[in-house]
Amino acid sequence: MQIFPAVVFSLYTRRLTSSGLLAGWFVGIVTGTGMAIAMGLKPVYPLQIGGATYPVYIGVLALAANIVVSVVASVVMLRTRAAGAVAAG
């Protein structure tokens, strides 16, 4: 499930960098594994929002973290490269 964003996003868009996708994959794996261990290897995590508790699959939360980190890291990498090109040119 964690490799899905890297495969799909690299097929359909050039906006995400490979290092951003790798960072997202790593965060998704670590987040999902950490939550699963914290829950005693059960697949559901009790997400508390406000005063309510929602049972959410750990894989979905890790996938969301993966996508967010992939997008943010790619934007940072692209801006860093663009700033370096402007400074060098």
PDB file of N, CA and C in Angstrom:
ATOM      1  N   MET A   1       0.817  -1.186   0.000  1.00  0.00           N
ATOM      2  CA  MET A   1       0.000   0.000   0.000  1.00  0.00           C
ATOM      3  C   MET A   1       0.869   1.261   0.000  1.00  0.00           C
ATOM      4  N   GLN A   2       2.021   1.208   0.628  1.00  0.00           N
ATOM      5  CA  GLN A   2       2.859   2.400   0.728  1.00  0.00           C
ATOM      6  C   GLN A   2       3.622   2.703  -0.563  1.00  0.00           C
ATOM      7  N   ILE A   3       3.773   1.738  -1.434  1.00  0.00           N
ATOM      8  CA  ILE A   3       4.455   1.972  -2.698  1.00  0.00           C
ATOM      9  C   ILE A   3       3.494   2.530  -3.746  1.00  0.00           C
ATOM     10  N   PHE A   4       2.202   2.444  -3.492  1.00  0.00           N
ATOM     11  CA  PHE A   4       1.174   2.895  -4.432  1.00  0.00           C
ATOM     12  C   PHE A   4       1.346   4.348  -4.873  1.00  0.00           C
ATOM     13  N   PRO A   5       1.531   5.309  -3.949  1.00  0.00           N
ATOM     14  CA  PRO A   5       1.688   6.700  -4.410  1.00  0.00           C
ATOM     15  C   PRO A   5       2.910   6.891  -5.307  1.00  0.00           C
ATOM     16  N   ALA A   6       4.009   6.254  -4.997  1.00  0.00           N
ATOM     17  CA  ALA A   6       5.211   6.408  -5.820  1.00  0.00           C
ATOM     18  C   ALA A   6       4.972   5.890  -7.238  1.00  0.00           C
ATOM     19  N   VAL A   7       4.309   4.757  -7.367  1.00  0.00           N
ATOM     20  CA  VAL A   7       4.047   4.185  -8.683  1.00  0.00           C
ATOM     21  C   VAL A   7       3.040   5.033  -9.456  1.00  0.00           C
ATOM     22  N   VAL A   8       1.927   5.357  -8.845  1.00  0.00           N
ATOM     23  CA  VAL A   8       0.868   6.089  -9.539  1.00  0.00           C
ATOM     24  C   VAL A   8       1.297   7.516  -9.856  1.00  0.00           C
ATOM     25  N   PHE A   9       1.872   8.215  -8.877  1.00  0.00           N
ATOM     26  CA  PHE A   9       2.252   9.595  -9.118  1.00  0.00           C
ATOM     27  C   PHE A   9       3.380   9.707 -10.134  1.00  0.00           C
ATOM     28  N   SER A  10       4.298   8.767 -10.152  1.00  0.00           N
ATOM     29  CA  SER A  10       5.387   8.840 -11.135  1.00  0.00           C
ATOM     30  C   SER A  10       4.886   8.486 -12.537  1.00  0.00           C
ATOM     31  N   LEU A  11       3.820   7.741 -12.640  1.00  0.00           N
ATOM     32  CA  LEU A  11       3.250   7.426 -13.953  1.00  0.00           C
ATOM     33  C   LEU A  11       2.445   8.582 -14.536  1.00  0.00           C
ATOM     34  N   TYR A  12       1.741   9.324 -13.680  1.00  0.00           N
ATOM     35  CA  TYR A  12       0.795  10.315 -14.166  1.00  0.00           C
ATOM     36  C   TYR A  12       1.209  11.765 -13.993  1.00  0.00           C
ATOM     37  N   THR A  13       2.298  12.029 -13.284  1.00  0.00           N
ATOM     38  CA  THR A  13       2.736  13.412 -13.136  1.00  0.00           C
ATOM     39  C   THR A  13       4.248  13.474 -12.997  1.00  0.00           C
ATOM     40  N   ARG A  14       4.803  14.567 -13.428  1.00  0.00           N
ATOM     41  CA  ARG A  14       6.237  14.804 -13.292  1.00  0.00           C
ATOM     42  C   ARG A  14       6.511  15.832 -12.188  1.00  0.00           C
ATOM     43  N   ARG A  15       5.488  16.243 -11.487  1.00  0.00           N
ATOM     44  CA  ARG A  15       5.631  17.289 -10.474  1.00  0.00           C
ATOM     45  C   ARG A  15       6.271  16.794  -9.181  1.00  0.00           C
ATOM     46  N   LEU A  16       6.195  15.505  -8.918  1.00  0.00           N
ATOM     47  CA  LEU A  16       6.773  14.964  -7.691  1.00  0.00           C
ATOM     48  C   LEU A  16       8.153  14.387  -7.990  1.00  0.00           C
ATOM     49  N   THR A  17       9.105  14.721  -7.146  1.00  0.00           N
ATOM     50  CA  THR A  17      10.475  14.255  -7.353  1.00  0.00           C
ATOM     51  C   THR A  17      10.653  12.854  -6.777  1.00  0.00           C
ATOM     52  N   SER A  18      11.658  12.173  -7.267  1.00  0.00           N
ATOM     53  CA  SER A  18      11.912  10.826  -6.761  1.00  0.00           C
ATOM     54  C   SER A  18      12.345  10.856  -5.295  1.00  0.00           C
ATOM     55  N   SER A  19      13.105  11.874  -4.900  1.00  0.00           N
ATOM     56  CA  SER A  19      13.499  11.962  -3.491  1.00  0.00           C
ATOM     57  C   SER A  19      12.307  12.293  -2.601  1.00  0.00           C
ATOM     58  N   GLY A  20      11.363  13.077  -3.090  1.00  0.00           N
ATOM     59  CA  GLY A  20      10.147  13.348  -2.328  1.00  0.00           C
ATOM     60  C   GLY A  20       9.290  12.106  -2.167  1.00  0.00           C
ATOM     61  N   LEU A  21       9.191  11.320  -3.235  1.00  0.00           N
ATOM     62  CA  LEU A  21       8.429  10.075  -3.161  1.00  0.00           C
ATOM     63  C   LEU A  21       9.094   9.064  -2.235  1.00  0.00           C
ATOM     64  N   LEU A  22      10.412   9.021  -2.249  1.00  0.00           N
ATOM     65  CA  LEU A  22      11.138   8.128  -1.347  1.00  0.00           C
ATOM     66  C   LEU A  22      10.942   8.551   0.110  1.00  0.00           C
ATOM     67  N   ALA A  23      10.990   9.849   0.355  1.00  0.00           N
ATOM     68  CA  ALA A  23      10.763  10.348   1.720  1.00  0.00           C
ATOM     69  C   ALA A  23       9.345  10.015   2.185  1.00  0.00           C
ATOM     70  N   GLY A  24       8.361  10.157   1.307  1.00  0.00           N
ATOM     71  CA  GLY A  24       6.984   9.808   1.647  1.00  0.00           C
ATOM     72  C   GLY A  24       6.829   8.332   1.942  1.00  0.00           C
ATOM     73  N   TRP A  25       7.456   7.506   1.126  1.00  0.00           N
ATOM     74  CA  TRP A  25       7.407   6.059   1.354  1.00  0.00           C
ATOM     75  C   TRP A  25       7.997   5.720   2.720  1.00  0.00           C
ATOM     76  N   PHE A  26       9.154   6.308   3.032  1.00  0.00           N
ATOM     77  CA  PHE A  26       9.807   6.032   4.309  1.00  0.00           C
ATOM     78  C   PHE A  26       8.929   6.465   5.484  1.00  0.00           C
ATOM     79  N   VAL A  27       8.349   7.648   5.401  1.00  0.00           N
ATOM     80  CA  VAL A  27       7.482   8.131   6.482  1.00  0.00           C
ATOM     81  C   VAL A  27       6.251   7.243   6.618  1.00  0.00           C
ATOM     82  N   GLY A  28       5.671   6.820   5.511  1.00  0.00           N
ATOM     83  CA  GLY A  28       4.504   5.940   5.560  1.00  0.00           C
ATOM     84  C   GLY A  28       4.812   4.606   6.213  1.00  0.00           C
ATOM     85  N   ILE A  29       5.953   4.023   5.856  1.00  0.00           N
ATOM     86  CA  ILE A  29       6.341   2.740   6.447  1.00  0.00           C
ATOM     87  C   ILE A  29       6.592   2.883   7.941  1.00  0.00           C
ATOM     88  N   VAL A  30       7.351   3.906   8.326  1.00  0.00           N
ATOM     89  CA  VAL A  30       7.685   4.101   9.744  1.00  0.00           C
ATOM     90  C   VAL A  30       6.433   4.443  10.559  1.00  0.00           C
ATOM     91  N   THR A  31       5.586   5.313  10.018  1.00  0.00           N
ATOM     92  CA  THR A  31       4.355   5.690  10.721  1.00  0.00           C
ATOM     93  C   THR A  31       3.430   4.492  10.906  1.00  0.00           C
ATOM     94  N   GLY A  32       3.199   3.750   9.833  1.00  0.00           N
ATOM     95  CA  GLY A  32       2.320   2.589   9.915  1.00  0.00           C
ATOM     96  C   GLY A  32       2.847   1.516  10.855  1.00  0.00           C
ATOM     97  N   THR A  33       4.143   1.261  10.767  1.00  0.00           N
ATOM     98  CA  THR A  33       4.736   0.254  11.646  1.00  0.00           C
ATOM     99  C   THR A  33       4.672   0.689  13.103  1.00  0.00           C
ATOM    100  N   GLY A  34       4.984   1.961  13.348  1.00  0.00           N
ATOM    101  CA  GLY A  34       4.937   2.478  14.719  1.00  0.00           C
ATOM    102  C   GLY A  34       3.537   2.416  15.317  1.00  0.00           C
ATOM    103  N   MET A  35       2.531   2.805  14.546  1.00  0.00           N
ATOM    104  CA  MET A  35       1.152   2.745  15.047  1.00  0.00           C
ATOM    105  C   MET A  35       0.708   1.309  15.275  1.00  0.00           C
ATOM    106  N   ALA A  36       1.085   0.415  14.362  1.00  0.00           N
ATOM    107  CA  ALA A  36       0.700  -0.989  14.520  1.00  0.00           C
ATOM    108  C   ALA A  36       1.328  -1.589  15.770  1.00  0.00           C
ATOM    109  N   ILE A  37       2.595  -1.274  16.015  1.00  0.00           N
ATOM    110  CA  ILE A  37       3.250  -1.778  17.224  1.00  0.00           C
ATOM    111  C   ILE A  37       2.593  -1.189  18.467  1.00  0.00           C
ATOM    112  N   ALA A  38       2.269   0.109  18.422  1.00  0.00           N
ATOM    113  CA  ALA A  38       1.633   0.764  19.572  1.00  0.00           C
ATOM    114  C   ALA A  38       0.258   0.171  19.882  1.00  0.00           C
ATOM    115  N   MET A  39      -0.420  -0.330  18.849  1.00  0.00           N
ATOM    116  CA  MET A  39      -1.751  -0.904  19.045  1.00  0.00           C
ATOM    117  C   MET A  39      -1.711  -2.417  19.257  1.00  0.00           C
ATOM    118  N   GLY A  40      -0.541  -2.989  19.467  1.00  0.00           N
ATOM    119  CA  GLY A  40      -0.442  -4.431  19.682  1.00  0.00           C
ATOM    120  C   GLY A  40      -0.682  -5.225  18.419  1.00  0.00           C
ATOM    121  N   LEU A  41      -0.219  -4.693  17.269  1.00  0.00           N
ATOM    122  CA  LEU A  41      -0.351  -5.308  15.947  1.00  0.00           C
ATOM    123  C   LEU A  41      -1.808  -5.495  15.513  1.00  0.00           C
ATOM    124  N   LYS A  42      -2.663  -4.607  15.968  1.00  0.00           N
ATOM    125  CA  LYS A  42      -4.054  -4.579  15.502  1.00  0.00           C
ATOM    126  C   LYS A  42      -4.150  -3.556  14.376  1.00  0.00           C
ATOM    127  N   PRO A  43      -5.026  -3.787  13.394  1.00  0.00           N
ATOM    128  CA  PRO A  43      -5.039  -2.912  12.215  1.00  0.00           C
ATOM    129  C   PRO A  43      -5.783  -1.586  12.385  1.00  0.00           C
ATOM    130  N   VAL A  44      -6.437  -1.382  13.514  1.00  0.00           N
ATOM    131  CA  VAL A  44      -7.265  -0.187  13.692  1.00  0.00           C
ATOM    132  C   VAL A  44      -6.665   0.703  14.769  1.00  0.00           C
ATOM    133  N   TYR A  45      -6.638   2.006  14.469  1.00  0.00           N
ATOM    134  CA  TYR A  45      -6.121   3.002  15.403  1.00  0.00           C
ATOM    135  C   TYR A  45      -7.269   3.912  15.833  1.00  0.00           C
ATOM    136  N   PRO A  46      -7.454   4.141  17.127  1.00  0.00           N
ATOM    137  CA  PRO A  46      -8.536   5.038  17.579  1.00  0.00           C
ATOM    138  C   PRO A  46      -8.112   6.500  17.435  1.00  0.00           C
ATOM    139  N   LEU A  47      -8.579   7.146  16.388  1.00  0.00           N
ATOM    140  CA  LEU A  47      -8.244   8.540  16.112  1.00  0.00           C
ATOM    141  C   LEU A  47      -9.207   9.441  16.867  1.00  0.00           C
ATOM    142  N   GLN A  48      -8.660  10.303  17.712  1.00  0.00           N
ATOM    143  CA  GLN A  48      -9.488  11.192  18.519  1.00  0.00           C
ATOM    144  C   GLN A  48      -9.469  12.589  17.914  1.00  0.00           C
ATOM    145  N   ILE A  49     -10.644  13.042  17.511  1.00  0.00           N
ATOM    146  CA  ILE A  49     -10.811  14.383  16.956  1.00  0.00           C
ATOM    147  C   ILE A  49     -11.899  15.076  17.771  1.00  0.00           C
ATOM    148  N   GLY A  50     -11.496  16.147  18.420  1.00  0.00           N
ATOM    149  CA  GLY A  50     -12.436  16.821  19.305  1.00  0.00           C
ATOM    150  C   GLY A  50     -12.758  15.912  20.472  1.00  0.00           C
ATOM    151  N   GLY A  51     -14.024  15.688  20.708  1.00  0.00           N
ATOM    152  CA  GLY A  51     -14.434  14.804  21.786  1.00  0.00           C
ATOM    153  C   GLY A  51     -14.827  13.417  21.313  1.00  0.00           C
ATOM    154  N   ALA A  52     -14.712  13.182  20.000  1.00  0.00           N
ATOM    155  CA  ALA A  52     -15.140  11.899  19.438  1.00  0.00           C
ATOM    156  C   ALA A  52     -13.935  11.034  19.092  1.00  0.00           C
ATOM    157  N   THR A  53     -14.145   9.737  19.120  1.00  0.00           N
ATOM    158  CA  THR A  53     -13.116   8.776  18.745  1.00  0.00           C
ATOM    159  C   THR A  53     -13.601   7.993  17.530  1.00  0.00           C
ATOM    160  N   TYR A  54     -12.748   7.967  16.493  1.00  0.00           N
ATOM    161  CA  TYR A  54     -13.085   7.270  15.257  1.00  0.00           C
ATOM    162  C   TYR A  54     -12.096   6.141  15.023  1.00  0.00           C
ATOM    163  N   PRO A  55     -12.570   4.925  14.803  1.00  0.00           N
ATOM    164  CA  PRO A  55     -11.635   3.845  14.460  1.00  0.00           C
ATOM    165  C   PRO A  55     -11.243   3.953  12.981  1.00  0.00           C
ATOM    166  N   VAL A  56      -9.941   4.076  12.730  1.00  0.00           N
ATOM    167  CA  VAL A  56      -9.437   4.244  11.362  1.00  0.00           C
ATOM    168  C   VAL A  56      -8.345   3.204  11.127  1.00  0.00           C
ATOM    169  N   TYR A  57      -8.340   2.635   9.943  1.00  0.00           N
ATOM    170  CA  TYR A  57      -7.305   1.663   9.602  1.00  0.00           C
ATOM    171  C   TYR A  57      -5.932   2.349   9.572  1.00  0.00           C
ATOM    172  N   ILE A  58      -4.962   1.702  10.146  1.00  0.00           N
ATOM    173  CA  ILE A  58      -3.618   2.252  10.240  1.00  0.00           C
ATOM    174  C   ILE A  58      -3.024   2.472   8.850  1.00  0.00           C
ATOM    175  N   GLY A  59      -3.307   1.581   7.939  1.00  0.00           N
ATOM    176  CA  GLY A  59      -2.784   1.725   6.582  1.00  0.00           C
ATOM    177  C   GLY A  59      -3.268   2.993   5.900  1.00  0.00           C
ATOM    178  N   VAL A  60      -4.501   3.395   6.164  1.00  0.00           N
ATOM    179  CA  VAL A  60      -5.049   4.617   5.570  1.00  0.00           C
ATOM    180  C   VAL A  60      -4.351   5.840   6.155  1.00  0.00           C
ATOM    181  N   LEU A  61      -4.112   5.844   7.461  1.00  0.00           N
ATOM    182  CA  LEU A  61      -3.410   6.963   8.097  1.00  0.00           C
ATOM    183  C   LEU A  61      -1.970   7.051   7.597  1.00  0.00           C
ATOM    184  N   ALA A  62      -1.309   5.916   7.476  1.00  0.00           N
ATOM    185  CA  ALA A  62       0.067   5.901   6.977  1.00  0.00           C
ATOM    186  C   ALA A  62       0.123   6.329   5.515  1.00  0.00           C
ATOM    187  N   LEU A  63      -0.870   5.937   4.730  1.00  0.00           N
ATOM    188  CA  LEU A  63      -0.936   6.349   3.330  1.00  0.00           C
ATOM    189  C   LEU A  63      -1.134   7.859   3.225  1.00  0.00           C
ATOM    190  N   ALA A  64      -1.976   8.426   4.075  1.00  0.00           N
ATOM    191  CA  ALA A  64      -2.175   9.879   4.086  1.00  0.00           C
ATOM    192  C   ALA A  64      -0.877  10.598   4.441  1.00  0.00           C
ATOM    193  N   ALA A  65      -0.156  10.090   5.432  1.00  0.00           N
ATOM    194  CA  ALA A  65       1.132  10.685   5.802  1.00  0.00           C
ATOM    195  C   ALA A  65       2.118  10.569   4.640  1.00  0.00           C
ATOM    196  N   ASN A  66       2.116   9.451   3.963  1.00  0.00           N
ATOM    197  CA  ASN A  66       2.977   9.210   2.810  1.00  0.00           C
ATOM    198  C   ASN A  66       2.715  10.257   1.730  1.00  0.00           C
ATOM    199  N   ILE A  67       1.471  10.480   1.386  1.00  0.00           N
ATOM    200  CA  ILE A  67       1.122  11.423   0.322  1.00  0.00           C
ATOM    201  C   ILE A  67       1.474  12.847   0.717  1.00  0.00           C
ATOM    202  N   VAL A  68       1.181  13.222   1.955  1.00  0.00           N
ATOM    203  CA  VAL A  68       1.483  14.584   2.409  1.00  0.00           C
ATOM    204  C   VAL A  68       2.987  14.841   2.367  1.00  0.00           C
ATOM    205  N   VAL A  69       3.767  13.915   2.887  1.00  0.00           N
ATOM    206  CA  VAL A  69       5.221  14.091   2.894  1.00  0.00           C
ATOM    207  C   VAL A  69       5.770  14.076   1.464  1.00  0.00           C
ATOM    208  N   SER A  70       5.237  13.246   0.603  1.00  0.00           N
ATOM    209  CA  SER A  70       5.687  13.207  -0.791  1.00  0.00           C
ATOM    210  C   SER A  70       5.487  14.552  -1.476  1.00  0.00           C
ATOM    211  N   VAL A  71       4.328  15.141  -1.287  1.00  0.00           N
ATOM    212  CA  VAL A  71       4.027  16.425  -1.919  1.00  0.00           C
ATOM    213  C   VAL A  71       4.887  17.540  -1.326  1.00  0.00           C
ATOM    214  N   VAL A  72       4.951  17.611  -0.004  1.00  0.00           N
ATOM    215  CA  VAL A  72       5.717  18.677   0.652  1.00  0.00           C
ATOM    216  C   VAL A  72       7.205  18.564   0.326  1.00  0.00           C
ATOM    217  N   ALA A  73       7.756  17.365   0.423  1.00  0.00           N
ATOM    218  CA  ALA A  73       9.181  17.179   0.134  1.00  0.00           C
ATOM    219  C   ALA A  73       9.492  17.482  -1.327  1.00  0.00           C
ATOM    220  N   SER A  74       8.601  17.139  -2.238  1.00  0.00           N
ATOM    221  CA  SER A  74       8.817  17.426  -3.654  1.00  0.00           C
ATOM    222  C   SER A  74       8.800  18.929  -3.921  1.00  0.00           C
ATOM    223  N   VAL A  75       7.873  19.637  -3.297  1.00  0.00           N
ATOM    224  CA  VAL A  75       7.817  21.091  -3.464  1.00  0.00           C
ATOM    225  C   VAL A  75       9.093  21.738  -2.929  1.00  0.00           C
ATOM    226  N   VAL A  76       9.545  21.294  -1.770  1.00  0.00           N
ATOM    227  CA  VAL A  76      10.780  21.837  -1.192  1.00  0.00           C
ATOM    228  C   VAL A  76      11.968  21.538  -2.103  1.00  0.00           C
ATOM    229  N   MET A  77      12.062  20.328  -2.619  1.00  0.00           N
ATOM    230  CA  MET A  77      13.168  19.966  -3.498  1.00  0.00           C
ATOM    231  C   MET A  77      13.149  20.783  -4.793  1.00  0.00           C
ATOM    232  N   LEU A  78      11.972  20.970  -5.383  1.00  0.00           N
ATOM    233  CA  LEU A  78      11.873  21.743  -6.620  1.00  0.00           C
ATOM    234  C   LEU A  78      12.252  23.200  -6.387  1.00  0.00           C
ATOM    235  N   ARG A  79      11.815  23.767  -5.271  1.00  0.00           N
ATOM    236  CA  ARG A  79      12.170  25.163  -4.967  1.00  0.00           C
ATOM    237  C   ARG A  79      13.656  25.298  -4.676  1.00  0.00           C
ATOM    238  N   THR A  80      14.226  24.308  -4.000  1.00  0.00           N
ATOM    239  CA  THR A  80      15.667  24.334  -3.707  1.00  0.00           C
ATOM    240  C   THR A  80      16.473  24.254  -5.005  1.00  0.00           C
ATOM    241  N   ARG A  81      16.052  23.388  -5.912  1.00  0.00           N
ATOM    242  CA  ARG A  81      16.741  23.262  -7.195  1.00  0.00           C
ATOM    243  C   ARG A  81      16.609  24.550  -8.014  1.00  0.00           C
ATOM    244  N   ALA A  82      15.407  25.145  -8.004  1.00  0.00           N
ATOM    245  CA  ALA A  82      15.189  26.378  -8.762  1.00  0.00           C
ATOM    246  C   ALA A  82      16.016  27.512  -8.180  1.00  0.00           C
ATOM    247  N   ALA A  83      16.111  27.597  -6.860  1.00  0.00           N
ATOM    248  CA  ALA A  83      16.919  28.642  -6.235  1.00  0.00           C
ATOM    249  C   ALA A  83      18.394  28.432  -6.535  1.00  0.00           C
ATOM    250  N   GLY A  84      18.833  27.189  -6.562  1.00  0.00           N
ATOM    251  CA  GLY A  84      20.226  26.885  -6.894  1.00  0.00           C
ATOM    252  C   GLY A  84      20.544  27.213  -8.343  1.00  0.00           C
ATOM    253  N   ALA A  85      19.591  26.991  -9.239  1.00  0.00           N
ATOM    254  CA  ALA A  85      19.801  27.296 -10.653  1.00  0.00           C
ATOM    255  C   ALA A  85      19.862  28.807 -10.877  1.00  0.00           C
ATOM    256  N   VAL A  86      19.044  29.553 -10.159  1.00  0.00           N
ATOM    257  CA  VAL A  86      19.048  31.005 -10.284  1.00  0.00           C
ATOM    258  C   VAL A  86      20.352  31.569  -9.743  1.00  0.00           C
ATOM    259  N   ALA A  87      20.815  31.037  -8.612  1.00  0.00           N
ATOM    260  CA  ALA A  87      22.057  31.521  -8.006  1.00  0.00           C
ATOM    261  C   ALA A  87      23.272  31.166  -8.873  1.00  0.00           C
ATOM    262  N   ALA A  88      23.227  30.027  -9.530  1.00  0.00           N
ATOM    263  CA  ALA A  88      24.347  29.589 -10.348  1.00  0.00           C
ATOM    264  C   ALA A  88      24.356  30.293 -11.720  1.00  0.00           C
ATOM    265  N   GLY A  89      23.171  30.700 -12.178  1.00  0.00           N
ATOM    266  CA  GLY A  89      23.079  31.222 -13.533  1.00  0.00           C
ATOM    267  C   GLY A  89      23.194  32.668 -13.597  1.00  0.00           C
TER     268      GLY A  89
END
